Amino acid sequence: MPPTPLTVVHGHRGCAGPFPANTLPAFLHAASIGCHWLEMDVVVTGDGHVLVSHEPWMDPESCRDPEGRPLTAEAGRALNIFTMPLAEVQRFRCIATDAPDAGGSATAVIPKPTLAEVVGAVKAAARARGSTWVPGFNIEIKSDPRHYGTFQPPPARFAELVLAELAALHITGHCLVQSFDTEVLEILHVREPALPLALLTENAEGAEANLGRLTFTPAYYGPAHRHIDDALPGRLRAQRIGLLAWTVNEEAEMRRLIRLGVDGLITDHPAVALALALLADPQ
């Protein structure tokens, strides 16, 4: 197991800088360099599979059709994953938006994986290296009240499917679940009280207002990194709430947040963050 610094690193969608985001190559690379957590997004297919995908449709910036051709914005939005069986979804191809030549060209057949496929591949790669250590799984439920019943199941059903998958994969005790949707977090808390949950936010309303929208205290608060000031880590620590910063890609900002003592950095560039976090660890 790699050394763990005070600030741990969450590979955003695996390693979304040079690799197609939310795909097996991205997750396997992040795990191979010792990333502490693998962060990923999940949606639901038409036949009930928990699929790793940032959007519940085919995003034209990161997806190509089965022949490798680009999609228009209109065509991509019309490809509603919640109405498509898994076999159809996995005919489409994922590309690396930052570096298309790094294993993510339109000619490469890299499909959206299921959560089960990600966990299985990461565990198999660890065994192949002769290791029993695997990263933690940070699973973001992409739930949006505007999409209930159209691009996703209702939040209770979404939570039920994710919890069942975590149990089937035996990772309930080796993961955390995060979401912007307070409704799905409330349901998860009731059904699995011991499961670490994180409230994600993008607004500038502050921790007190955002956390006040929950009836319970989550394990983590995850604001956009630009909303983290010098005082926030200490205020949250006094409430026994961890602080996750997203999505931190600039080295100077990584250094600032590590210096403040945030609990986790969610980044597209985990190798950079890992080096900085270990360098800053006083132990």
C-alpha atoms as a PDB file:
ATOM      1  CA  MET A   1       0.000   0.000   0.000  1.00  0.00           C
ATOM      2  CA  PRO A   2       1.397   3.448  -0.917  1.00  0.00           C
ATOM      3  CA  PRO A   3       2.100   5.926   1.882  1.00  0.00           C
ATOM      4  CA  THR A   4      -0.874   8.079   2.802  1.00  0.00           C
ATOM      5  CA  PRO A   5      -0.245  11.802   3.331  1.00  0.00           C
ATOM      6  CA  LEU A   6      -2.463  14.141   5.313  1.00  0.00           C
ATOM      7  CA  THR A   7      -4.230  15.188   2.084  1.00  0.00           C
ATOM      8  CA  VAL A   8      -5.235  12.217  -0.025  1.00  0.00           C
ATOM      9  CA  VAL A   9      -5.720  12.254  -3.783  1.00  0.00           C
ATOM     10  CA  HIS A  10      -8.893  11.323  -5.655  1.00  0.00           C
ATOM     11  CA  GLY A  11      -8.335  10.655  -9.355  1.00  0.00           C
ATOM     12  CA  HIS A  12     -11.132  12.622 -11.041  1.00  0.00           C
ATOM     13  CA  ARG A  13     -12.977  10.234 -13.354  1.00  0.00           C
ATOM     14  CA  GLY A  14      -9.876   8.098 -12.963  1.00  0.00           C
ATOM     15  CA  CYS A  15      -7.194  10.170 -14.630  1.00  0.00           C
ATOM     16  CA  ALA A  16      -9.169  12.406 -16.933  1.00  0.00           C
ATOM     17  CA  GLY A  17      -6.266  14.532 -18.134  1.00  0.00           C
ATOM     18  CA  PRO A  18      -4.538  12.187 -20.598  1.00  0.00           C
ATOM     19  CA  PHE A  19      -7.121   9.375 -20.702  1.00  0.00           C
ATOM     20  CA  PRO A  20     -10.780   9.137 -21.724  1.00  0.00           C
ATOM     21  CA  ALA A  21     -12.644  10.137 -18.569  1.00  0.00           C
ATOM     22  CA  ASN A  22     -14.565   7.507 -16.603  1.00  0.00           C
ATOM     23  CA  THR A  23     -13.072   4.597 -18.553  1.00  0.00           C
ATOM     24  CA  LEU A  24     -11.074   1.527 -17.592  1.00  0.00           C
ATOM     25  CA  PRO A  25      -7.740   2.910 -18.947  1.00  0.00           C
ATOM     26  CA  ALA A  26      -8.159   6.022 -16.790  1.00  0.00           C
ATOM     27  CA  PHE A  27      -8.990   4.097 -13.626  1.00  0.00           C
ATOM     28  CA  LEU A  28      -6.295   1.475 -14.133  1.00  0.00           C
ATOM     29  CA  HIS A  29      -3.623   4.116 -14.692  1.00  0.00           C
ATOM     30  CA  ALA A  30      -4.673   6.076 -11.592  1.00  0.00           C
ATOM     31  CA  ALA A  31      -4.592   2.900  -9.512  1.00  0.00           C
ATOM     32  CA  SER A  32      -1.187   1.892 -10.914  1.00  0.00           C
ATOM     33  CA  ILE A  33       0.448   5.143  -9.740  1.00  0.00           C
ATOM     34  CA  GLY A  34      -0.920   4.740  -6.214  1.00  0.00           C
ATOM     35  CA  CYS A  35      -3.894   7.101  -6.322  1.00  0.00           C
ATOM     36  CA  HIS A  36      -5.680   6.805  -2.951  1.00  0.00           C
ATOM     37  CA  TRP A  37      -9.221   7.095  -4.340  1.00  0.00           C
ATOM     38  CA  LEU A  38     -10.808   6.650  -7.741  1.00  0.00           C
ATOM     39  CA  GLU A  39     -13.563   9.201  -8.304  1.00  0.00           C
ATOM     40  CA  MET A  40     -16.277   8.285 -10.789  1.00  0.00           C
ATOM     41  CA  ASP A  41     -19.800   9.255 -11.856  1.00  0.00           C
ATOM     42  CA  VAL A  42     -22.683   6.819 -12.184  1.00  0.00           C
ATOM     43  CA  VAL A  43     -25.969   6.845 -14.087  1.00  0.00           C
ATOM     44  CA  VAL A  44     -28.486   4.075 -14.858  1.00  0.00           C
ATOM     45  CA  THR A  45     -29.109   2.283 -18.158  1.00  0.00           C
ATOM     46  CA  GLY A  46     -32.516   1.347 -19.507  1.00  0.00           C
ATOM     47  CA  ASP A  47     -32.076  -2.222 -18.292  1.00  0.00           C
ATOM     48  CA  GLY A  48     -31.033  -1.215 -14.777  1.00  0.00           C
ATOM     49  CA  HIS A  49     -27.229  -1.376 -14.870  1.00  0.00           C
ATOM     50  CA  VAL A  50     -25.171   1.096 -12.837  1.00  0.00           C
ATOM     51  CA  LEU A  51     -23.028   2.680 -15.539  1.00  0.00           C
ATOM     52  CA  VAL A  52     -19.984   4.895 -15.104  1.00  0.00           C
ATOM     53  CA  SER A  53     -20.736   8.062 -17.063  1.00  0.00           C
ATOM     54  CA  HIS A  54     -20.720  11.797 -16.324  1.00  0.00           C
ATOM     55  CA  GLU A  55     -23.878  12.490 -18.328  1.00  0.00           C
ATOM     56  CA  PRO A  56     -27.025  10.372 -18.676  1.00  0.00           C
ATOM     57  CA  TRP A  57     -26.676  10.877 -22.433  1.00  0.00           C
ATOM     58  CA  MET A  58     -23.858  10.693 -24.993  1.00  0.00           C
ATOM     59  CA  ASP A  59     -21.851  13.862 -24.533  1.00  0.00           C
ATOM     60  CA  PRO A  60     -20.546  14.892 -27.976  1.00  0.00           C
ATOM     61  CA  GLU A  61     -17.297  16.247 -26.492  1.00  0.00           C
ATOM     62  CA  SER A  62     -16.288  12.888 -25.037  1.00  0.00           C
ATOM     63  CA  CYS A  63     -18.279  10.353 -27.081  1.00  0.00           C
ATOM     64  CA  ARG A  64     -18.330   9.118 -30.660  1.00  0.00           C
ATOM     65  CA  ASP A  65     -20.846   6.903 -32.403  1.00  0.00           C
ATOM     66  CA  PRO A  66     -20.153   3.149 -32.908  1.00  0.00           C
ATOM     67  CA  GLU A  67     -18.247   3.914 -36.120  1.00  0.00           C
ATOM     68  CA  GLY A  68     -16.107   6.577 -34.448  1.00  0.00           C
ATOM     69  CA  ARG A  69     -17.915   9.551 -35.982  1.00  0.00           C
ATOM     70  CA  PRO A  70     -18.597  12.761 -34.021  1.00  0.00           C
ATOM     71  CA  LEU A  71     -22.026  13.456 -32.551  1.00  0.00           C
ATOM     72  CA  THR A  72     -23.858  16.751 -32.709  1.00  0.00           C
ATOM     73  CA  ALA A  73     -25.063  18.270 -29.445  1.00  0.00           C
ATOM     74  CA  GLU A  74     -28.651  17.506 -30.437  1.00  0.00           C
ATOM     75  CA  ALA A  75     -27.901  13.909 -31.405  1.00  0.00           C
ATOM     76  CA  GLY A  76     -25.895  13.299 -28.231  1.00  0.00           C
ATOM     77  CA  ARG A  77     -28.665  14.620 -25.979  1.00  0.00           C
ATOM     78  CA  ALA A  78     -31.208  12.439 -27.797  1.00  0.00           C
ATOM     79  CA  LEU A  79     -29.174   9.330 -26.902  1.00  0.00           C
ATOM     80  CA  ASN A  80     -30.729   8.985 -23.448  1.00  0.00           C
ATOM     81  CA  ILE A  81     -28.805   6.289 -21.555  1.00  0.00           C
ATOM     82  CA  PHE A  82     -31.761   5.723 -19.214  1.00  0.00           C
ATOM     83  CA  THR A  83     -33.751   4.433 -22.214  1.00  0.00           C
ATOM     84  CA  MET A  84     -30.927   2.368 -23.753  1.00  0.00           C
ATOM     85  CA  PRO A  85     -29.908  -1.202 -22.866  1.00  0.00           C
ATOM     86  CA  LEU A  86     -26.311  -1.663 -21.736  1.00  0.00           C
ATOM     87  CA  ALA A  87     -25.335  -3.530 -24.913  1.00  0.00           C
ATOM     88  CA  GLU A  88     -26.397  -0.538 -27.020  1.00  0.00           C
ATOM     89  CA  VAL A  89     -24.685   2.003 -24.740  1.00  0.00           C
ATOM     90  CA  GLN A  90     -21.396   0.134 -24.938  1.00  0.00           C
ATOM     91  CA  ARG A  91     -21.326   0.289 -28.737  1.00  0.00           C
ATOM     92  CA  PHE A  92     -20.439   3.978 -28.425  1.00  0.00           C
ATOM     93  CA  ARG A  93     -16.827   5.114 -27.966  1.00  0.00           C
ATOM     94  CA  CYS A  94     -15.187   7.364 -25.403  1.00  0.00           C
ATOM     95  CA  ILE A  95     -12.345   9.727 -26.271  1.00  0.00           C
ATOM     96  CA  ALA A  96      -9.848  11.756 -24.256  1.00  0.00           C
ATOM     97  CA  THR A  97     -10.859  15.404 -24.548  1.00  0.00           C
ATOM     98  CA  ASP A  98      -7.514  16.777 -23.293  1.00  0.00           C
ATOM     99  CA  ALA A  99      -5.186  14.434 -25.179  1.00  0.00           C
ATOM    100  CA  PRO A 100      -6.957  12.433 -27.920  1.00  0.00           C
ATOM    101  CA  ASP A 101      -3.774  10.588 -28.880  1.00  0.00           C
ATOM    102  CA  ALA A 102      -3.277   9.117 -25.379  1.00  0.00           C
ATOM    103  CA  GLY A 103      -5.340   5.996 -25.869  1.00  0.00           C
ATOM    104  CA  GLY A 104      -8.566   7.798 -26.668  1.00  0.00           C
ATOM    105  CA  SER A 105      -8.706   8.402 -30.407  1.00  0.00           C
ATOM    106  CA  ALA A 106     -11.957   7.990 -32.253  1.00  0.00           C
ATOM    107  CA  THR A 107     -10.609   4.767 -33.770  1.00  0.00           C
ATOM    108  CA  ALA A 108     -10.079   3.178 -30.343  1.00  0.00           C
ATOM    109  CA  VAL A 109     -13.040   1.193 -29.046  1.00  0.00           C
ATOM    110  CA  ILE A 110     -13.286   2.320 -25.426  1.00  0.00           C
ATOM    111  CA  PRO A 111     -16.840   1.950 -24.083  1.00  0.00           C
ATOM    112  CA  LYS A 112     -18.453   3.347 -20.971  1.00  0.00           C
ATOM    113  CA  PRO A 113     -17.919   0.671 -18.283  1.00  0.00           C
ATOM    114  CA  THR A 114     -20.310  -0.495 -15.626  1.00  0.00           C
ATOM    115  CA  LEU A 115     -19.403   0.046 -11.992  1.00  0.00           C
ATOM    116  CA  ALA A 116     -18.951  -3.712 -11.697  1.00  0.00           C
ATOM    117  CA  GLU A 117     -16.482  -3.718 -14.603  1.00  0.00           C
ATOM    118  CA  VAL A 118     -14.437  -0.921 -13.019  1.00  0.00           C
ATOM    119  CA  VAL A 119     -14.232  -2.600  -9.625  1.00  0.00           C
ATOM    120  CA  GLY A 120     -13.445  -5.968 -11.191  1.00  0.00           C
ATOM    121  CA  ALA A 121     -10.695  -4.554 -13.413  1.00  0.00           C
ATOM    122  CA  VAL A 122      -9.056  -2.610 -10.571  1.00  0.00           C
ATOM    123  CA  LYS A 123      -9.059  -5.636  -8.286  1.00  0.00           C
ATOM    124  CA  ALA A 124      -7.728  -7.899 -11.059  1.00  0.00           C
ATOM    125  CA  ALA A 125      -4.907  -5.459 -11.823  1.00  0.00           C
ATOM    126  CA  ALA A 126      -3.933  -5.394  -8.139  1.00  0.00           C
ATOM    127  CA  ARG A 127      -3.807  -9.201  -8.051  1.00  0.00           C
ATOM    128  CA  ALA A 128      -1.662  -9.204 -11.193  1.00  0.00           C
ATOM    129  CA  ARG A 129       0.804  -6.911  -9.422  1.00  0.00           C
ATOM    130  CA  GLY A 130       0.855  -9.276  -6.454  1.00  0.00           C
ATOM    131  CA  SER A 131      -0.862  -6.697  -4.249  1.00  0.00           C
ATOM    132  CA  THR A 132      -3.886  -6.871  -1.989  1.00  0.00           C
ATOM    133  CA  TRP A 133      -4.253  -3.061  -1.938  1.00  0.00           C
ATOM    134  CA  VAL A 134      -6.802  -1.284  -4.102  1.00  0.00           C
ATOM    135  CA  PRO A 135      -7.814   2.385  -4.012  1.00  0.00           C
ATOM    136  CA  GLY A 136     -11.038   3.492  -2.392  1.00  0.00           C
ATOM    137  CA  PHE A 137     -14.001   4.095  -4.688  1.00  0.00           C
ATOM    138  CA  ASN A 138     -15.507   7.596  -4.612  1.00  0.00           C
ATOM    139  CA  ILE A 139     -18.827   7.226  -6.415  1.00  0.00           C
ATOM    140  CA  GLU A 140     -20.789  10.293  -7.469  1.00  0.00           C
ATOM    141  CA  ILE A 141     -24.469   9.680  -8.098  1.00  0.00           C
ATOM    142  CA  LYS A 142     -25.391  11.959 -11.008  1.00  0.00           C
ATOM    143  CA  SER A 143     -28.873  12.735  -9.785  1.00  0.00           C
ATOM    144  CA  ASP A 144     -30.700  15.913 -10.771  1.00  0.00           C
ATOM    145  CA  PRO A 145     -34.302  16.773  -9.788  1.00  0.00           C
ATOM    146  CA  ARG A 146     -34.842  18.105 -13.321  1.00  0.00           C
ATOM    147  CA  HIS A 147     -34.141  14.617 -14.686  1.00  0.00           C
ATOM    148  CA  TYR A 148     -36.236  12.450 -12.354  1.00  0.00           C
ATOM    149  CA  GLY A 149     -38.149   9.950 -14.472  1.00  0.00           C
ATOM    150  CA  THR A 150     -36.668  11.111 -17.789  1.00  0.00           C
ATOM    151  CA  PHE A 151     -32.862  10.749 -17.752  1.00  0.00           C
ATOM    152  CA  GLN A 152     -32.726   8.807 -14.495  1.00  0.00           C
ATOM    153  CA  PRO A 153     -34.892   6.794 -12.113  1.00  0.00           C
ATOM    154  CA  PRO A 154     -36.517   8.536  -9.133  1.00  0.00           C
ATOM    155  CA  PRO A 155     -33.966   9.124  -6.345  1.00  0.00           C
ATOM    156  CA  ALA A 156     -35.215   6.264  -4.149  1.00  0.00           C
ATOM    157  CA  ARG A 157     -34.798   3.772  -6.995  1.00  0.00           C
ATOM    158  CA  PHE A 158     -31.411   5.264  -7.958  1.00  0.00           C
ATOM    159  CA  ALA A 159     -30.194   4.875  -4.358  1.00  0.00           C
ATOM    160  CA  GLU A 160     -31.544   1.330  -4.206  1.00  0.00           C
ATOM    161  CA  LEU A 161     -29.689   0.286  -7.371  1.00  0.00           C
ATOM    162  CA  VAL A 162     -26.399   1.807  -6.219  1.00  0.00           C
ATOM    163  CA  LEU A 163     -26.588   0.295  -2.720  1.00  0.00           C
ATOM    164  CA  ALA A 164     -27.396  -3.128  -4.166  1.00  0.00           C
ATOM    165  CA  GLU A 165     -24.390  -2.881  -6.474  1.00  0.00           C
ATOM    166  CA  LEU A 166     -22.047  -1.813  -3.676  1.00  0.00           C
ATOM    167  CA  ALA A 167     -23.182  -4.811  -1.633  1.00  0.00           C
ATOM    168  CA  ALA A 168     -22.842  -7.218  -4.559  1.00  0.00           C
ATOM    169  CA  LEU A 169     -19.316  -5.971  -5.249  1.00  0.00           C
ATOM    170  CA  HIS A 170     -18.369  -6.100  -1.551  1.00  0.00           C
ATOM    171  CA  ILE A 171     -17.165  -2.477  -1.516  1.00  0.00           C
ATOM    172  CA  THR A 172     -19.701  -0.881   0.836  1.00  0.00           C
ATOM    173  CA  GLY A 173     -16.938  -0.575   3.427  1.00  0.00           C
ATOM    174  CA  HIS A 174     -14.370   0.598   0.886  1.00  0.00           C
ATOM    175  CA  CYS A 175     -16.138   3.509  -0.742  1.00  0.00           C
ATOM    176  CA  LEU A 176     -17.820   6.848  -0.230  1.00  0.00           C
ATOM    177  CA  VAL A 177     -20.795   8.187  -2.156  1.00  0.00           C
ATOM    178  CA  GLN A 178     -21.159  11.822  -3.137  1.00  0.00           C
ATOM    179  CA  SER A 179     -23.833  13.851  -4.894  1.00  0.00           C
ATOM    180  CA  PHE A 180     -25.104  17.364  -5.505  1.00  0.00           C
ATOM    181  CA  ASP A 181     -28.644  16.065  -4.937  1.00  0.00           C
ATOM    182  CA  THR A 182     -29.629  16.320  -1.256  1.00  0.00           C
ATOM    183  CA  GLU A 183     -32.672  14.096  -1.832  1.00  0.00           C
ATOM    184  CA  VAL A 184     -30.619  11.098  -2.894  1.00  0.00           C
ATOM    185  CA  LEU A 185     -28.176  11.698  -0.011  1.00  0.00           C
ATOM    186  CA  GLU A 186     -31.053  11.719   2.494  1.00  0.00           C
ATOM    187  CA  ILE A 187     -32.294   8.384   1.173  1.00  0.00           C
ATOM    188  CA  LEU A 188     -28.831   6.837   1.267  1.00  0.00           C
ATOM    189  CA  HIS A 189     -28.322   8.011   4.858  1.00  0.00           C
ATOM    190  CA  VAL A 190     -31.549   6.386   6.016  1.00  0.00           C
ATOM    191  CA  ARG A 191     -30.932   3.118   4.196  1.00  0.00           C
ATOM    192  CA  GLU A 192     -27.193   2.758   4.911  1.00  0.00           C
ATOM    193  CA  PRO A 193     -26.301   4.988   7.899  1.00  0.00           C
ATOM    194  CA  ALA A 194     -22.684   3.785   8.088  1.00  0.00           C
ATOM    195  CA  LEU A 195     -21.923   4.639   4.445  1.00  0.00           C
ATOM    196  CA  PRO A 196     -19.717   7.782   4.216  1.00  0.00           C
ATOM    197  CA  LEU A 197     -21.548  10.455   2.225  1.00  0.00           C
ATOM    198  CA  ALA A 198     -20.333  13.727   0.722  1.00  0.00           C
ATOM    199  CA  LEU A 199     -22.419  16.768  -0.203  1.00  0.00           C
ATOM    200  CA  LEU A 200     -21.083  18.385  -3.365  1.00  0.00           C
ATOM    201  CA  THR A 201     -21.733  22.071  -4.059  1.00  0.00           C
ATOM    202  CA  GLU A 202     -20.853  24.575  -6.755  1.00  0.00           C
ATOM    203  CA  ASN A 203     -22.555  27.697  -5.416  1.00  0.00           C
ATOM    204  CA  ALA A 204     -20.987  30.456  -3.331  1.00  0.00           C
ATOM    205  CA  GLU A 205     -23.562  30.283  -0.513  1.00  0.00           C
ATOM    206  CA  GLY A 206     -21.105  28.778   1.964  1.00  0.00           C
ATOM    207  CA  ALA A 207     -20.837  25.607   4.004  1.00  0.00           C
ATOM    208  CA  GLU A 208     -23.352  26.555   6.697  1.00  0.00           C
ATOM    209  CA  ALA A 209     -26.160  27.253   4.215  1.00  0.00           C
ATOM    210  CA  ASN A 210     -25.405  24.216   2.074  1.00  0.00           C
ATOM    211  CA  LEU A 211     -25.021  21.766   4.963  1.00  0.00           C
ATOM    212  CA  GLY A 212     -28.206  23.177   6.453  1.00  0.00           C
ATOM    213  CA  ARG A 213     -30.125  21.651   3.560  1.00  0.00           C
ATOM    214  CA  LEU A 214     -29.419  18.190   4.990  1.00  0.00           C
ATOM    215  CA  THR A 215     -31.107  16.692   8.062  1.00  0.00           C
ATOM    216  CA  PHE A 216     -27.868  14.880   9.001  1.00  0.00           C
ATOM    217  CA  THR A 217     -24.158  15.637   9.174  1.00  0.00           C
ATOM    218  CA  PRO A 218     -22.332  14.103   6.199  1.00  0.00           C
ATOM    219  CA  ALA A 219     -18.861  12.623   6.437  1.00  0.00           C
ATOM    220  CA  TYR A 220     -17.588  15.121   3.849  1.00  0.00           C
ATOM    221  CA  TYR A 221     -18.365  18.503   2.348  1.00  0.00           C
ATOM    222  CA  GLY A 222     -17.203  18.923  -1.254  1.00  0.00           C
ATOM    223  CA  PRO A 223     -17.253  22.474  -2.593  1.00  0.00           C
ATOM    224  CA  ALA A 224     -15.679  23.741  -5.790  1.00  0.00           C
ATOM    225  CA  HIS A 225     -12.078  24.540  -4.824  1.00  0.00           C
ATOM    226  CA  ARG A 226     -12.450  28.275  -5.484  1.00  0.00           C
ATOM    227  CA  HIS A 227     -14.925  28.501  -2.592  1.00  0.00           C
ATOM    228  CA  ILE A 228     -12.452  27.200   0.012  1.00  0.00           C
ATOM    229  CA  ASP A 229     -10.949  29.933   2.161  1.00  0.00           C
ATOM    230  CA  ASP A 230      -8.337  29.665   4.904  1.00  0.00           C
ATOM    231  CA  ALA A 231     -10.897  29.221   7.678  1.00  0.00           C
ATOM    232  CA  LEU A 232     -13.108  26.522   6.145  1.00  0.00           C
ATOM    233  CA  PRO A 233     -10.991  23.408   6.898  1.00  0.00           C
ATOM    234  CA  GLY A 234     -10.821  24.254  10.606  1.00  0.00           C
ATOM    235  CA  ARG A 235     -14.524  25.080  10.853  1.00  0.00           C
ATOM    236  CA  LEU A 236     -15.468  21.771   9.272  1.00  0.00           C
ATOM    237  CA  ARG A 237     -12.955  19.821  11.338  1.00  0.00           C
ATOM    238  CA  ALA A 238     -14.593  21.169  14.505  1.00  0.00           C
ATOM    239  CA  GLN A 239     -17.836  19.595  13.243  1.00  0.00           C
ATOM    240  CA  ARG A 240     -16.043  16.328  12.362  1.00  0.00           C
ATOM    241  CA  ILE A 241     -16.696  16.883   8.661  1.00  0.00           C
ATOM    242  CA  GLY A 242     -13.998  16.169   6.096  1.00  0.00           C
ATOM    243  CA  LEU A 243     -13.285  18.561   3.235  1.00  0.00           C
ATOM    244  CA  LEU A 244     -12.974  17.421  -0.385  1.00  0.00           C
ATOM    245  CA  ALA A 245     -11.932  19.996  -2.991  1.00  0.00           C
ATOM    246  CA  TRP A 246     -12.902  19.627  -6.655  1.00  0.00           C
ATOM    247  CA  THR A 247     -11.631  19.770  -9.425  1.00  0.00           C
ATOM    248  CA  VAL A 248      -8.090  20.962  -8.642  1.00  0.00           C
ATOM    249  CA  ASN A 249      -5.805  20.929 -11.673  1.00  0.00           C
ATOM    250  CA  GLU A 250      -3.424  23.857 -11.191  1.00  0.00           C
ATOM    251  CA  GLU A 251      -0.268  23.095  -9.205  1.00  0.00           C
ATOM    252  CA  ALA A 252      -0.369  26.394  -7.310  1.00  0.00           C
ATOM    253  CA  GLU A 253      -3.929  25.684  -6.166  1.00  0.00           C
ATOM    254  CA  MET A 254      -2.984  22.144  -5.147  1.00  0.00           C
ATOM    255  CA  ARG A 255      -0.202  23.571  -2.983  1.00  0.00           C
ATOM    256  CA  ARG A 256      -2.546  26.117  -1.391  1.00  0.00           C
ATOM    257  CA  LEU A 257      -5.165  23.522  -0.482  1.00  0.00           C
ATOM    258  CA  ILE A 258      -2.634  21.000   0.790  1.00  0.00           C
ATOM    259  CA  ARG A 259      -1.149  23.743   2.948  1.00  0.00           C
ATOM    260  CA  LEU A 260      -4.639  24.453   4.357  1.00  0.00           C
ATOM    261  CA  GLY A 261      -5.017  20.772   5.220  1.00  0.00           C
ATOM    262  CA  VAL A 262      -7.962  19.758   3.066  1.00  0.00           C
ATOM    263  CA  ASP A 263      -8.729  16.054   3.436  1.00  0.00           C
ATOM    264  CA  GLY A 264      -8.867  15.275  -0.248  1.00  0.00           C
ATOM    265  CA  LEU A 265      -8.000  16.738  -3.654  1.00  0.00           C
ATOM    266  CA  ILE A 266     -10.138  15.627  -6.584  1.00  0.00           C
ATOM    267  CA  THR A 267      -8.002  16.153  -9.689  1.00  0.00           C
ATOM    268  CA  ASP A 268      -7.571  15.188 -13.325  1.00  0.00           C
ATOM    269  CA  HIS A 269      -3.815  14.994 -12.676  1.00  0.00           C
ATOM    270  CA  PRO A 270      -3.342  12.636  -9.721  1.00  0.00           C
ATOM    271  CA  ALA A 271       0.377  12.052 -10.311  1.00  0.00           C
ATOM    272  CA  VAL A 272       1.114  15.745  -9.739  1.00  0.00           C
ATOM    273  CA  ALA A 273      -1.117  15.910  -6.675  1.00  0.00           C
ATOM    274  CA  LEU A 274       0.374  12.727  -5.203  1.00  0.00           C
ATOM    275  CA  ALA A 275       3.898  14.111  -5.435  1.00  0.00           C
ATOM    276  CA  LEU A 276       2.897  17.407  -3.844  1.00  0.00           C
ATOM    277  CA  ALA A 277       0.866  15.779  -1.064  1.00  0.00           C
ATOM    278  CA  LEU A 278       3.687  13.427  -0.085  1.00  0.00           C
ATOM    279  CA  LEU A 279       6.220  16.244  -0.237  1.00  0.00           C
ATOM    280  CA  ALA A 280       4.092  18.333   2.132  1.00  0.00           C
ATOM    281  CA  ASP A 281       3.475  15.533   4.643  1.00  0.00           C
ATOM    282  CA  PRO A 282       5.496  16.373   7.778  1.00  0.00           C
ATOM    283  CA  GLN A 283       5.802  12.671   8.627  1.00  0.00           C
END
